[in-house]
PDB file of N, CA and C in Angstrom:
ATOM      1  N   MET A   1     126.899  71.716  61.198  1.00  0.00           N
ATOM      2  CA  MET A   1     128.225  72.256  60.968  1.00  0.00           C
ATOM      3  C   MET A   1     128.496  73.348  61.995  1.00  0.00           C
ATOM      4  N   LEU A   2     129.738  73.407  62.459  1.00  0.00           N
ATOM      5  CA  LEU A   2     130.141  74.403  63.437  1.00  0.00           C
ATOM      6  C   LEU A   2     130.648  75.650  62.718  1.00  0.00           C
ATOM      7  N   TYR A   3     130.270  76.808  63.220  1.00  0.00           N
ATOM      8  CA  TYR A   3     130.587  78.054  62.537  1.00  0.00           C
ATOM      9  C   TYR A   3     131.613  78.908  63.279  1.00  0.00           C
ATOM     10  N   ASN A   4     132.020  78.505  64.458  1.00  0.00           N
ATOM     11  CA  ASN A   4     133.004  79.266  65.220  1.00  0.00           C
ATOM     12  C   ASN A   4     134.355  78.570  65.145  1.00  0.00           C
ATOM     13  N   ASN A   5     135.417  79.341  65.278  1.00  0.00           N
ATOM     14  CA  ASN A   5     136.759  78.763  65.212  1.00  0.00           C
ATOM     15  C   ASN A   5     137.177  78.085  66.500  1.00  0.00           C
ATOM     16  N   ILE A   6     136.791  78.660  67.630  1.00  0.00           N
ATOM     17  CA  ILE A   6     137.208  78.136  68.928  1.00  0.00           C
ATOM     18  C   ILE A   6     135.973  77.727  69.736  1.00  0.00           C
ATOM     19  N   TYR A   7     136.058  76.558  70.323  1.00  0.00           N
ATOM     20  CA  TYR A   7     135.000  76.051  71.192  1.00  0.00           C
ATOM     21  C   TYR A   7     135.567  75.774  72.563  1.00  0.00           C
ATOM     22  N   LEU A   8     134.707  75.818  73.554  1.00  0.00           N
ATOM     23  CA  LEU A   8     135.085  75.399  74.892  1.00  0.00           C
ATOM     24  C   LEU A   8     134.522  74.007  75.113  1.00  0.00           C
ATOM     25  N   LEU A   9     135.358  73.114  75.560  1.00  0.00           N
ATOM     26  CA  LEU A   9     134.933  71.774  75.926  1.00  0.00           C
ATOM     27  C   LEU A   9     134.782  71.771  77.436  1.00  0.00           C
ATOM     28  N   LEU A  10     133.560  71.617  77.908  1.00  0.00           N
ATOM     29  CA  LEU A  10     133.274  71.603  79.337  1.00  0.00           C
ATOM     30  C   LEU A  10     133.014  70.173  79.774  1.00  0.00           C
ATOM     31  N   LYS A  11     133.527  69.808  80.929  1.00  0.00           N
ATOM     32  CA  LYS A  11     133.272  68.467  81.456  1.00  0.00           C
ATOM     33  C   LYS A  11     132.571  68.597  82.802  1.00  0.00           C
ATOM     34  N   PHE A  12     131.483  67.848  82.949  1.00  0.00           N
ATOM     35  CA  PHE A  12     130.793  67.753  84.234  1.00  0.00           C
ATOM     36  C   PHE A  12     130.113  66.396  84.310  1.00  0.00           C
ATOM     37  N   ASP A  13     130.231  65.737  85.445  1.00  0.00           N
ATOM     38  CA  ASP A  13     129.584  64.445  85.684  1.00  0.00           C
ATOM     39  C   ASP A  13     129.852  63.467  84.527  1.00  0.00           C
ATOM     40  N   ASP A  14     131.085  63.410  84.060  1.00  0.00           N
ATOM     41  CA  ASP A  14     131.506  62.537  82.963  1.00  0.00           C
ATOM     42  C   ASP A  14     130.792  62.821  81.637  1.00  0.00           C
ATOM     43  N   ARG A  15     130.272  64.006  81.468  1.00  0.00           N
ATOM     44  CA  ARG A  15     129.643  64.452  80.223  1.00  0.00           C
ATOM     45  C   ARG A  15     130.497  65.570  79.642  1.00  0.00           C
ATOM     46  N   TYR A  16     130.629  65.583  78.331  1.00  0.00           N
ATOM     47  CA  TYR A  16     131.355  66.645  77.645  1.00  0.00           C
ATOM     48  C   TYR A  16     130.360  67.482  76.852  1.00  0.00           C
ATOM     49  N   LEU A  17     130.541  68.791  76.934  1.00  0.00           N
ATOM     50  CA  LEU A  17     129.662  69.727  76.246  1.00  0.00           C
ATOM     51  C   LEU A  17     130.530  70.749  75.524  1.00  0.00           C
ATOM     52  N   LEU A  18     130.253  70.953  74.251  1.00  0.00           N
ATOM     53  CA  LEU A  18     130.971  71.941  73.445  1.00  0.00           C
ATOM     54  C   LEU A  18     130.103  73.175  73.263  1.00  0.00           C
ATOM     55  N   LEU A  19     130.687  74.341  73.543  1.00  0.00           N
ATOM     56  CA  LEU A  19     130.009  75.620  73.354  1.00  0.00           C
ATOM     57  C   LEU A  19     130.938  76.570  72.612  1.00  0.00           C
ATOM     58  N   PRO A  20     130.393  77.419  71.744  1.00  0.00           N
ATOM     59  CA  PRO A  20     131.246  78.408  71.081  1.00  0.00           C
ATOM     60  C   PRO A  20     131.858  79.353  72.113  1.00  0.00           C
ATOM     61  N   GLN A  21     133.146  79.583  72.008  1.00  0.00           N
ATOM     62  CA  GLN A  21     133.807  80.488  72.938  1.00  0.00           C
ATOM     63  C   GLN A  21     133.200  81.892  72.851  1.00  0.00           C
ATOM     64  N   SER A  22     132.702  82.262  71.690  1.00  0.00           N
ATOM     65  CA  SER A  22     132.105  83.595  71.507  1.00  0.00           C
ATOM     66  C   SER A  22     130.820  83.784  72.317  1.00  0.00           C
ATOM     67  N   ASP A  23     130.216  82.707  72.816  1.00  0.00           N
ATOM     68  CA  ASP A  23     129.004  82.788  73.632  1.00  0.00           C
ATOM     69  C   ASP A  23     129.306  82.940  75.122  1.00  0.00           C
ATOM     70  N   ILE A  24     130.588  82.918  75.462  1.00  0.00           N
ATOM     71  CA  ILE A  24     131.003  82.911  76.867  1.00  0.00           C
ATOM     72  C   ILE A  24     131.594  84.259  77.253  1.00  0.00           C
ATOM     73  N   GLU A  25     131.131  84.790  78.371  1.00  0.00           N
ATOM     74  CA  GLU A  25     131.635  86.048  78.906  1.00  0.00           C
ATOM     75  C   GLU A  25     132.924  85.843  79.689  1.00  0.00           C
ATOM     76  N   LEU A  26     132.958  84.775  80.492  1.00  0.00           N
ATOM     77  CA  LEU A  26     134.043  84.610  81.448  1.00  0.00           C
ATOM     78  C   LEU A  26     134.169  83.152  81.859  1.00  0.00           C
ATOM     79  N   VAL A  27     135.397  82.698  82.017  1.00  0.00           N
ATOM     80  CA  VAL A  27     135.676  81.392  82.627  1.00  0.00           C
ATOM     81  C   VAL A  27     136.664  81.650  83.749  1.00  0.00           C
ATOM     82  N   GLU A  28     136.317  81.222  84.947  1.00  0.00           N
ATOM     83  CA  GLU A  28     137.193  81.409  86.101  1.00  0.00           C
ATOM     84  C   GLU A  28     137.115  80.192  86.992  1.00  0.00           C
ATOM     85  N   THR A  29     138.119  80.058  87.835  1.00  0.00           N
ATOM     86  CA  THR A  29     138.022  79.019  88.853  1.00  0.00           C
ATOM     87  C   THR A  29     136.930  79.440  89.826  1.00  0.00           C
ATOM     88  N   THR A  30     136.294  78.471  90.428  1.00  0.00           N
ATOM     89  CA  THR A  30     135.207  78.797  91.361  1.00  0.00           C
ATOM     90  C   THR A  30     135.732  79.582  92.556  1.00  0.00           C
ATOM     91  N   SER A  31     136.962  79.332  92.960  1.00  0.00           N
ATOM     92  CA  SER A  31     137.522  80.049  94.112  1.00  0.00           C
ATOM     93  C   SER A  31     137.839  81.509  93.782  1.00  0.00           C
ATOM     94  N   ALA A  32     138.083  81.820  92.505  1.00  0.00           N
ATOM     95  CA  ALA A  32     138.445  83.185  92.116  1.00  0.00           C
ATOM     96  C   ALA A  32     137.265  83.999  91.607  1.00  0.00           C
ATOM     97  N   PHE A  33     136.098  83.402  91.524  1.00  0.00           N
ATOM     98  CA  PHE A  33     134.943  84.078  90.947  1.00  0.00           C
ATOM     99  C   PHE A  33     134.478  85.192  91.877  1.00  0.00           C
ATOM    100  N   SER A  34     134.806  86.424  91.517  1.00  0.00           N
ATOM    101  CA  SER A  34     134.423  87.545  92.371  1.00  0.00           C
ATOM    102  C   SER A  34     133.921  88.745  91.579  1.00  0.00           C
ATOM    103  N   ARG A  35     134.218  88.793  90.296  1.00  0.00           N
ATOM    104  CA  ARG A  35     133.861  89.944  89.474  1.00  0.00           C
ATOM    105  C   ARG A  35     132.362  90.249  89.517  1.00  0.00           C
ATOM    106  N   TYR A  36     131.553  89.206  89.586  1.00  0.00           N
ATOM    107  CA  TYR A  36     130.099  89.377  89.530  1.00  0.00           C
ATOM    108  C   TYR A  36     129.431  89.089  90.874  1.00  0.00           C
ATOM    109  N   GLU A  37     130.202  89.044  91.950  1.00  0.00           N
ATOM    110  CA  GLU A  37     129.610  88.623  93.207  1.00  0.00           C
ATOM    111  C   GLU A  37     128.545  89.585  93.731  1.00  0.00           C
ATOM    112  N   LEU A  38     128.561  90.844  93.300  1.00  0.00           N
ATOM    113  CA  LEU A  38     127.538  91.783  93.744  1.00  0.00           C
ATOM    114  C   LEU A  38     126.253  91.666  92.935  1.00  0.00           C
ATOM    115  N   GLU A  39     126.348  91.069  91.782  1.00  0.00           N
ATOM    116  CA  GLU A  39     125.170  90.886  90.942  1.00  0.00           C
ATOM    117  C   GLU A  39     124.641  89.469  91.143  1.00  0.00           C
ATOM    118  N   GLU A  40     123.386  89.288  90.864  1.00  0.00           N
ATOM    119  CA  GLU A  40     122.812  87.950  90.993  1.00  0.00           C
ATOM    120  C   GLU A  40     123.107  87.146  89.740  1.00  0.00           C
ATOM    121  N   VAL A  41     123.833  86.079  89.927  1.00  0.00           N
ATOM    122  CA  VAL A  41     124.149  85.178  88.837  1.00  0.00           C
ATOM    123  C   VAL A  41     123.480  83.842  89.135  1.00  0.00           C
ATOM    124  N   MET A  42     122.633  83.397  88.211  1.00  0.00           N
ATOM    125  CA  MET A  42     122.008  82.084  88.370  1.00  0.00           C
ATOM    126  C   MET A  42     123.050  81.044  87.988  1.00  0.00           C
ATOM    127  N   THR A  43     123.408  80.196  88.926  1.00  0.00           N
ATOM    128  CA  THR A  43     124.455  79.202  88.696  1.00  0.00           C
ATOM    129  C   THR A  43     123.832  77.821  88.666  1.00  0.00           C
ATOM    130  N   PHE A  44     124.206  77.050  87.641  1.00  0.00           N
ATOM    131  CA  PHE A  44     123.640  75.720  87.445  1.00  0.00           C
ATOM    132  C   PHE A  44     124.739  74.667  87.489  1.00  0.00           C
ATOM    133  N   ASN A  45     124.413  73.559  88.084  1.00  0.00           N
ATOM    134  CA  ASN A  45     125.286  72.399  88.107  1.00  0.00           C
ATOM    135  C   ASN A  45     124.482  71.257  87.489  1.00  0.00           C
ATOM    136  N   LEU A  46     124.987  70.694  86.409  1.00  0.00           N
ATOM    137  CA  LEU A  46     124.238  69.669  85.682  1.00  0.00           C
ATOM    138  C   LEU A  46     124.839  68.285  85.877  1.00  0.00           C
ATOM    139  N   ASN A  47     123.979  67.279  85.727  1.00  0.00           N
ATOM    140  CA  ASN A  47     124.472  65.915  85.722  1.00  0.00           C
ATOM    141  C   ASN A  47     124.619  65.444  84.281  1.00  0.00           C
ATOM    142  N   LYS A  48     124.983  64.189  84.097  1.00  0.00           N
ATOM    143  CA  LYS A  48     125.244  63.690  82.743  1.00  0.00           C
ATOM    144  C   LYS A  48     124.005  63.667  81.859  1.00  0.00           C
ATOM    145  N   ASP A  49     122.811  63.764  82.443  1.00  0.00           N
ATOM    146  CA  ASP A  49     121.569  63.813  81.670  1.00  0.00           C
ATOM    147  C   ASP A  49     121.112  65.244  81.390  1.00  0.00           C
ATOM    148  N   LEU A  50     121.982  66.209  81.673  1.00  0.00           N
ATOM    149  CA  LEU A  50     121.701  67.638  81.507  1.00  0.00           C
ATOM    150  C   LEU A  50     120.537  68.105  82.380  1.00  0.00           C
ATOM    151  N   LEU A  51     120.443  67.525  83.562  1.00  0.00           N
ATOM    152  CA  LEU A  51     119.445  67.925  84.546  1.00  0.00           C
ATOM    153  C   LEU A  51     120.161  68.550  85.733  1.00  0.00           C
ATOM    154  N   ILE A  52     119.490  69.460  86.414  1.00  0.00           N
ATOM    155  CA  ILE A  52     120.107  70.153  87.547  1.00  0.00           C
ATOM    156  C   ILE A  52     120.326  69.178  88.691  1.00  0.00           C
ATOM    157  N   GLN A  53     121.507  69.275  89.283  1.00  0.00           N
ATOM    158  CA  GLN A  53     121.835  68.477  90.460  1.00  0.00           C
ATOM    159  C   GLN A  53     122.430  69.395  91.519  1.00  0.00           C
ATOM    160  N   PRO A  54     122.485  68.933  92.768  1.00  0.00           N
ATOM    161  CA  PRO A  54     123.120  69.756  93.806  1.00  0.00           C
ATOM    162  C   PRO A  54     124.574  70.046  93.419  1.00  0.00           C
ATOM    163  N   ASN A  55     125.104  71.142  93.930  1.00  0.00           N
ATOM    164  CA  ASN A  55     126.485  71.508  93.602  1.00  0.00           C
ATOM    165  C   ASN A  55     127.443  70.373  93.930  1.00  0.00           C
ATOM    166  N   SER A  56     128.351  70.153  93.018  1.00  0.00           N
ATOM    167  CA  SER A  56     129.329  69.087  93.155  1.00  0.00           C
ATOM    168  C   SER A  56     130.620  69.634  93.728  1.00  0.00           C
ATOM    169  N   LYS A  57     131.258  68.858  94.576  1.00  0.00           N
ATOM    170  CA  LYS A  57     132.552  69.265  95.127  1.00  0.00           C
ATOM    171  C   LYS A  57     133.636  69.187  94.070  1.00  0.00           C
ATOM    172  N   LYS A  58     133.335  68.528  92.932  1.00  0.00           N
ATOM    173  CA  LYS A  58     134.310  68.399  91.855  1.00  0.00           C
ATOM    174  C   LYS A  58     134.318  69.615  90.929  1.00  0.00           C
ATOM    175  N   SER A  59     133.391  70.538  91.102  1.00  0.00           N
ATOM    176  CA  SER A  59     133.321  71.706  90.218  1.00  0.00           C
ATOM    177  C   SER A  59     134.477  72.654  90.511  1.00  0.00           C
ATOM    178  N   ASN A  60     135.335  72.822  89.522  1.00  0.00           N
ATOM    179  CA  ASN A  60     136.512  73.678  89.669  1.00  0.00           C
ATOM    180  C   ASN A  60     136.372  74.998  88.924  1.00  0.00           C
ATOM    181  N   TYR A  61     135.454  75.053  87.952  1.00  0.00           N
ATOM    182  CA  TYR A  61     135.328  76.231  87.089  1.00  0.00           C
ATOM    183  C   TYR A  61     133.885  76.708  87.039  1.00  0.00           C
ATOM    184  N   ILE A  62     133.753  78.006  86.768  1.00  0.00           N
ATOM    185  CA  ILE A  62     132.446  78.587  86.520  1.00  0.00           C
ATOM    186  C   ILE A  62     132.518  79.271  85.156  1.00  0.00           C
ATOM    187  N   VAL A  63     131.527  78.992  84.324  1.00  0.00           N
ATOM    188  CA  VAL A  63     131.464  79.517  82.966  1.00  0.00           C
ATOM    189  C   VAL A  63     130.256  80.436  82.889  1.00  0.00           C
ATOM    190  N   LEU A  64     130.514  81.716  82.689  1.00  0.00           N
ATOM    191  CA  LEU A  64     129.451  82.722  82.659  1.00  0.00           C
ATOM    192  C   LEU A  64     129.078  83.016  81.214  1.00  0.00           C
ATOM    193  N   PHE A  65     127.791  82.936  80.907  1.00  0.00           N
ATOM    194  CA  PHE A  65     127.295  83.162  79.549  1.00  0.00           C
ATOM    195  C   PHE A  65     127.107  84.650  79.277  1.00  0.00           C
ATOM    196  N   LYS A  66     127.179  85.034  78.002  1.00  0.00           N
ATOM    197  CA  LYS A  66     126.964  86.422  77.601  1.00  0.00           C
ATOM    198  C   LYS A  66     125.484  86.788  77.544  1.00  0.00           C
ATOM    199  N   VAL A  67     124.626  85.847  77.200  1.00  0.00           N
ATOM    200  CA  VAL A  67     123.220  86.177  76.926  1.00  0.00           C
ATOM    201  C   VAL A  67     122.424  86.549  78.165  1.00  0.00           C
ATOM    202  N   GLU A  68     122.844  86.118  79.325  1.00  0.00           N
ATOM    203  CA  GLU A  68     122.087  86.366  80.548  1.00  0.00           C
ATOM    204  C   GLU A  68     123.037  86.143  81.708  1.00  0.00           C
ATOM    205  N   LEU A  69     122.723  86.674  82.866  1.00  0.00           N
ATOM    206  CA  LEU A  69     123.580  86.416  84.017  1.00  0.00           C
ATOM    207  C   LEU A  69     123.307  85.005  84.533  1.00  0.00           C
ATOM    208  N   ALA A  70     123.786  84.061  83.771  1.00  0.00           N
ATOM    209  CA  ALA A  70     123.659  82.652  84.119  1.00  0.00           C
ATOM    210  C   ALA A  70     125.025  82.020  83.943  1.00  0.00           C
ATOM    211  N   ALA A  71     125.300  81.022  84.782  1.00  0.00           N
ATOM    212  CA  ALA A  71     126.605  80.376  84.744  1.00  0.00           C
ATOM    213  C   ALA A  71     126.442  78.878  84.935  1.00  0.00           C
ATOM    214  N   LEU A  72     127.425  78.151  84.447  1.00  0.00           N
ATOM    215  CA  LEU A  72     127.444  76.694  84.548  1.00  0.00           C
ATOM    216  C   LEU A  72     128.706  76.287  85.284  1.00  0.00           C
ATOM    217  N   LEU A  73     128.550  75.432  86.283  1.00  0.00           N
ATOM    218  CA  LEU A  73     129.703  74.892  86.995  1.00  0.00           C
ATOM    219  C   LEU A  73     130.209  73.666  86.253  1.00  0.00           C
ATOM    220  N   CYS A  74     131.519  73.491  86.200  1.00  0.00           N
ATOM    221  CA  CYS A  74     132.063  72.304  85.539  1.00  0.00           C
ATOM    222  C   CYS A  74     133.406  71.927  86.152  1.00  0.00           C
ATOM    223  N   GLU A  75     133.821  70.705  85.851  1.00  0.00           N
ATOM    224  CA  GLU A  75     135.060  70.163  86.409  1.00  0.00           C
ATOM    225  C   GLU A  75     136.281  70.582  85.609  1.00  0.00           C
ATOM    226  N   GLU A  76     136.149  70.637  84.295  1.00  0.00           N
ATOM    227  CA  GLU A  76     137.270  70.969  83.414  1.00  0.00           C
ATOM    228  C   GLU A  76     136.788  71.867  82.284  1.00  0.00           C
ATOM    229  N   VAL A  77     137.684  72.698  81.789  1.00  0.00           N
ATOM    230  CA  VAL A  77     137.414  73.551  80.634  1.00  0.00           C
ATOM    231  C   VAL A  77     138.643  73.504  79.738  1.00  0.00           C
ATOM    232  N   GLU A  78     138.410  73.336  78.435  1.00  0.00           N
ATOM    233  CA  GLU A  78     139.519  73.276  77.490  1.00  0.00           C
ATOM    234  C   GLU A  78     139.123  74.006  76.212  1.00  0.00           C
ATOM    235  N   ASN A  79     140.014  74.833  75.687  1.00  0.00           N
ATOM    236  CA  ASN A  79     139.804  75.478  74.389  1.00  0.00           C
ATOM    237  C   ASN A  79     140.205  74.504  73.296  1.00  0.00           C
ATOM    238  N   ILE A  80     139.350  74.356  72.291  1.00  0.00           N
ATOM    239  CA  ILE A  80     139.705  73.505  71.160  1.00  0.00           C
ATOM    240  C   ILE A  80     139.321  74.201  69.862  1.00  0.00           C
ATOM    241  N   LYS A  81     140.050  73.890  68.819  1.00  0.00           N
ATOM    242  CA  LYS A  81     139.777  74.468  67.505  1.00  0.00           C
ATOM    243  C   LYS A  81     138.785  73.597  66.761  1.00  0.00           C
ATOM    244  N   CYS A  82     137.989  74.224  65.935  1.00  0.00           N
ATOM    245  CA  CYS A  82     136.941  73.537  65.187  1.00  0.00           C
ATOM    246  C   CYS A  82     137.486  72.365  64.370  1.00  0.00           C
ATOM    247  N   GLU A  83     138.667  72.526  63.793  1.00  0.00           N
ATOM    248  CA  GLU A  83     139.216  71.460  62.954  1.00  0.00           C
ATOM    249  C   GLU A  83     139.647  70.227  63.757  1.00  0.00           C
ATOM    250  N   GLU A  84     139.684  70.327  65.078  1.00  0.00           N
ATOM    251  CA  GLU A  84     140.025  69.183  65.922  1.00  0.00           C
ATOM    252  C   GLU A  84     138.801  68.332  66.267  1.00  0.00           C
ATOM    253  N   ILE A  85     137.627  68.755  65.797  1.00  0.00           N
ATOM    254  CA  ILE A  85     136.363  68.125  66.182  1.00  0.00           C
ATOM    255  C   ILE A  85     135.740  67.431  64.975  1.00  0.00           C
ATOM    256  N   ASP A  86     135.263  66.227  65.178  1.00  0.00           N
ATOM    257  CA  ASP A  86     134.496  65.522  64.158  1.00  0.00           C
ATOM    258  C   ASP A  86     133.022  65.655  64.535  1.00  0.00           C
ATOM    259  N   VAL A  87     132.289  66.481  63.808  1.00  0.00           N
ATOM    260  CA  VAL A  87     130.898  66.804  64.147  1.00  0.00           C
ATOM    261  C   VAL A  87     129.940  65.894  63.394  1.00  0.00           C
ATOM    262  N   GLN A  88     128.928  65.420  64.113  1.00  0.00           N
ATOM    263  CA  GLN A  88     127.916  64.533  63.539  1.00  0.00           C
ATOM    264  C   GLN A  88     126.534  65.148  63.747  1.00  0.00           C
ATOM    265  N   GLU A  89     125.702  65.088  62.720  1.00  0.00           N
ATOM    266  CA  GLU A  89     124.308  65.526  62.853  1.00  0.00           C
ATOM    267  C   GLU A  89     123.563  64.569  63.779  1.00  0.00           C
ATOM    268  N   LEU A  90     122.631  65.104  64.536  1.00  0.00           N
ATOM    269  CA  LEU A  90     121.740  64.252  65.327  1.00  0.00           C
ATOM    270  C   LEU A  90     120.710  63.639  64.388  1.00  0.00           C
ATOM    271  N   SER A  91     120.473  62.368  64.539  1.00  0.00           N
ATOM    272  CA  SER A  91     119.413  61.759  63.735  1.00  0.00           C
ATOM    273  C   SER A  91     118.067  62.228  64.270  1.00  0.00           C
ATOM    274  N   ALA A  92     117.038  62.111  63.470  1.00  0.00           N
ATOM    275  CA  ALA A  92     115.703  62.592  63.853  1.00  0.00           C
ATOM    276  C   ALA A  92     115.212  61.958  65.155  1.00  0.00           C
ATOM    277  N   VAL A  93     115.534  60.695  65.388  1.00  0.00           N
ATOM    278  CA  VAL A  93     115.056  60.023  66.607  1.00  0.00           C
ATOM    279  C   VAL A  93     115.807  60.500  67.847  1.00  0.00           C
ATOM    280  N   MET A  94     116.961  61.132  67.668  1.00  0.00           N
ATOM    281  CA  MET A  94     117.742  61.620  68.807  1.00  0.00           C
ATOM    282  C   MET A  94     117.383  63.047  69.194  1.00  0.00           C
ATOM    283  N   LYS A  95     116.689  63.769  68.337  1.00  0.00           N
ATOM    284  CA  LYS A  95     116.355  65.160  68.621  1.00  0.00           C
ATOM    285  C   LYS A  95     115.162  65.220  69.570  1.00  0.00           C
ATOM    286  N   LEU A  96     115.349  65.919  70.660  1.00  0.00           N
ATOM    287  CA  LEU A  96     114.283  66.125  71.630  1.00  0.00           C
ATOM    288  C   LEU A  96     113.858  67.585  71.570  1.00  0.00           C
ATOM    289  N   SER A  97     112.578  67.837  71.684  1.00  0.00           N
ATOM    290  CA  SER A  97     112.055  69.187  71.466  1.00  0.00           C
ATOM    291  C   SER A  97     112.656  70.228  72.408  1.00  0.00           C
ATOM    292  N   LYS A  98     112.904  69.901  73.650  1.00  0.00           N
ATOM    293  CA  LYS A  98     113.407  70.891  74.603  1.00  0.00           C
ATOM    294  C   LYS A  98     114.913  70.833  74.792  1.00  0.00           C
ATOM    295  N   SER A  99     115.564  69.906  74.170  1.00  0.00           N
ATOM    296  CA  SER A  99     117.001  69.737  74.359  1.00  0.00           C
ATOM    297  C   SER A  99     117.793  70.845  73.676  1.00  0.00           C
ATOM    298  N   PRO A 100     118.844  71.344  74.350  1.00  0.00           N
ATOM    299  CA  PRO A 100     119.692  72.360  73.733  1.00  0.00           C
ATOM    300  C   PRO A 100     120.762  71.753  72.814  1.00  0.00           C
ATOM    301  N   VAL A 101     120.846  70.446  72.774  1.00  0.00           N
ATOM    302  CA  VAL A 101     121.880  69.769  71.989  1.00  0.00           C
ATOM    303  C   VAL A 101     121.521  69.829  70.502  1.00  0.00           C
ATOM    304  N   THR A 102     122.455  70.347  69.702  1.00  0.00           N
ATOM    305  CA  THR A 102     122.219  70.485  68.274  1.00  0.00           C
ATOM    306  C   THR A 102     122.977  69.459  67.442  1.00  0.00           C
ATOM    307  N   HIS A 103     124.130  69.016  67.937  1.00  0.00           N
ATOM    308  CA  HIS A 103     124.977  68.056  67.245  1.00  0.00           C
ATOM    309  C   HIS A 103     125.706  67.197  68.270  1.00  0.00           C
ATOM    310  N   LEU A 104     126.346  66.172  67.807  1.00  0.00           N
ATOM    311  CA  LEU A 104     127.297  65.405  68.604  1.00  0.00           C
ATOM    312  C   LEU A 104     128.654  65.582  67.957  1.00  0.00           C
ATOM    313  N   ALA A 105     129.696  65.501  68.766  1.00  0.00           N
ATOM    314  CA  ALA A 105     131.044  65.653  68.242  1.00  0.00           C
ATOM    315  C   ALA A 105     131.953  64.610  68.878  1.00  0.00           C
ATOM    316  N   ILE A 106     132.954  64.244  68.143  1.00  0.00           N
ATOM    317  CA  ILE A 106     133.971  63.336  68.669  1.00  0.00           C
ATOM    318  C   ILE A 106     135.261  64.133  68.778  1.00  0.00           C
ATOM    319  N   TYR A 107     135.845  64.092  69.968  1.00  0.00           N
ATOM    320  CA  TYR A 107     137.093  64.790  70.228  1.00  0.00           C
ATOM    321  C   TYR A 107     137.946  63.897  71.115  1.00  0.00           C
ATOM    322  N   LYS A 108     139.094  63.502  70.607  1.00  0.00           N
ATOM    323  CA  LYS A 108     140.010  62.622  71.353  1.00  0.00           C
ATOM    324  C   LYS A 108     139.284  61.383  71.878  1.00  0.00           C
ATOM    325  N   ASP A 109     138.553  60.728  71.008  1.00  0.00           N
ATOM    326  CA  ASP A 109     137.827  59.500  71.335  1.00  0.00           C
ATOM    327  C   ASP A 109     136.747  59.685  72.404  1.00  0.00           C
ATOM    328  N   GLN A 110     136.307  60.913  72.629  1.00  0.00           N
ATOM    329  CA  GLN A 110     135.223  61.192  73.556  1.00  0.00           C
ATOM    330  C   GLN A 110     134.051  61.769  72.772  1.00  0.00           C
ATOM    331  N   ILE A 111     132.855  61.422  73.176  1.00  0.00           N
ATOM    332  CA  ILE A 111     131.659  61.986  72.549  1.00  0.00           C
ATOM    333  C   ILE A 111     131.232  63.203  73.363  1.00  0.00           C
ATOM    334  N   ALA A 112     130.958  64.296  72.665  1.00  0.00           N
ATOM    335  CA  ALA A 112     130.526  65.531  73.311  1.00  0.00           C
ATOM    336  C   ALA A 112     129.219  66.004  72.687  1.00  0.00           C
ATOM    337  N   CYS A 113     128.372  66.572  73.511  1.00  0.00           N
ATOM    338  CA  CYS A 113     127.165  67.228  73.019  1.00  0.00           C
ATOM    339  C   CYS A 113     127.559  68.640  72.589  1.00  0.00           C
ATOM    340  N   VAL A 114     126.952  69.124  71.525  1.00  0.00           N
ATOM    341  CA  VAL A 114     127.234  70.462  71.024  1.00  0.00           C
ATOM    342  C   VAL A 114     125.986  71.321  71.211  1.00  0.00           C
ATOM    343  N   SER A 115     126.178  72.520  71.729  1.00  0.00           N
ATOM    344  CA  SER A 115     125.083  73.457  71.906  1.00  0.00           C
ATOM    345  C   SER A 115     125.630  74.861  71.676  1.00  0.00           C
ATOM    346  N   ASN A 116     124.803  75.850  71.954  1.00  0.00           N
ATOM    347  CA  ASN A 116     125.273  77.238  71.940  1.00  0.00           C
ATOM    348  C   ASN A 116     124.758  77.899  73.209  1.00  0.00           C
ATOM    349  N   GLY A 117     125.330  79.030  73.539  1.00  0.00           N
ATOM    350  CA  GLY A 117     124.993  79.691  74.791  1.00  0.00           C
ATOM    351  C   GLY A 117     123.529  80.050  74.923  1.00  0.00           C
ATOM    352  N   LYS A 118     122.947  80.601  73.882  1.00  0.00           N
ATOM    353  CA  LYS A 118     121.547  81.033  73.933  1.00  0.00           C
ATOM    354  C   LYS A 118     120.606  79.847  74.170  1.00  0.00           C
ATOM    355  N   ALA A 119     120.797  78.772  73.423  1.00  0.00           N
ATOM    356  CA  ALA A 119     119.939  77.590  73.572  1.00  0.00           C
ATOM    357  C   ALA A 119     120.119  76.933  74.937  1.00  0.00           C
ATOM    358  N   LEU A 120     121.362  76.888  75.416  1.00  0.00           N
ATOM    359  CA  LEU A 120     121.616  76.247  76.706  1.00  0.00           C
ATOM    360  C   LEU A 120     121.015  77.057  77.853  1.00  0.00           C
ATOM    361  N   VAL A 121     121.180  78.369  77.820  1.00  0.00           N
ATOM    362  CA  VAL A 121     120.607  79.201  78.886  1.00  0.00           C
ATOM    363  C   VAL A 121     119.087  79.113  78.866  1.00  0.00           C
ATOM    364  N   LYS A 122     118.487  79.156  77.688  1.00  0.00           N
ATOM    365  CA  LYS A 122     117.022  79.024  77.591  1.00  0.00           C
ATOM    366  C   LYS A 122     116.581  77.690  78.209  1.00  0.00           C
ATOM    367  N   TYR A 123     117.282  76.634  77.901  1.00  0.00           N
ATOM    368  CA  TYR A 123     116.974  75.312  78.441  1.00  0.00           C
ATOM    369  C   TYR A 123     117.113  75.317  79.976  1.00  0.00           C
ATOM    370  N   LEU A 124     118.191  75.890  80.487  1.00  0.00           N
ATOM    371  CA  LEU A 124     118.435  75.916  81.936  1.00  0.00           C
ATOM    372  C   LEU A 124     117.348  76.690  82.668  1.00  0.00           C
ATOM    373  N   LEU A 125     116.916  77.797  82.096  1.00  0.00           N
ATOM    374  CA  LEU A 125     115.896  78.620  82.743  1.00  0.00           C
ATOM    375  C   LEU A 125     114.531  77.945  82.748  1.00  0.00           C
ATOM    376  N   GLU A 126     114.324  76.986  81.858  1.00  0.00           N
ATOM    377  CA  GLU A 126     113.048  76.273  81.798  1.00  0.00           C
ATOM    378  C   GLU A 126     113.027  75.017  82.662  1.00  0.00           C
ATOM    379  N   LEU A 127     114.180  74.623  83.203  1.00  0.00           N
ATOM    380  CA  LEU A 127     114.223  73.410  84.049  1.00  0.00           C
ATOM    381  C   LEU A 127     113.526  73.648  85.366  1.00  0.00           C
TER     382      LEU A 127
END
């Protein structure tokens, strides 16, 4: 079950990922990202398997997490309300020990992985 009212739907490499908006410090276009340019921000670009890939030319946004100076590049970002999402529990066979994915969700006929900022950053730092 989702406990936040607003989620961010991030799209990268044809994958959708839902994160609580409360876990996010900042969302900006990649061209405007300057607030943190003096600090070291670990920036990750993921593929559809949630593995690190070289930076994509399709990345238009940078999403900075609150828990650590880490950011995720993505193609699209959309705010959605919890009531717009149909959340499904992961079955036991779908749960992977190191995966940050906690649930699956259906939004506008698209399947999205659900995570939270802390779990996703921990996962990214271990890749």
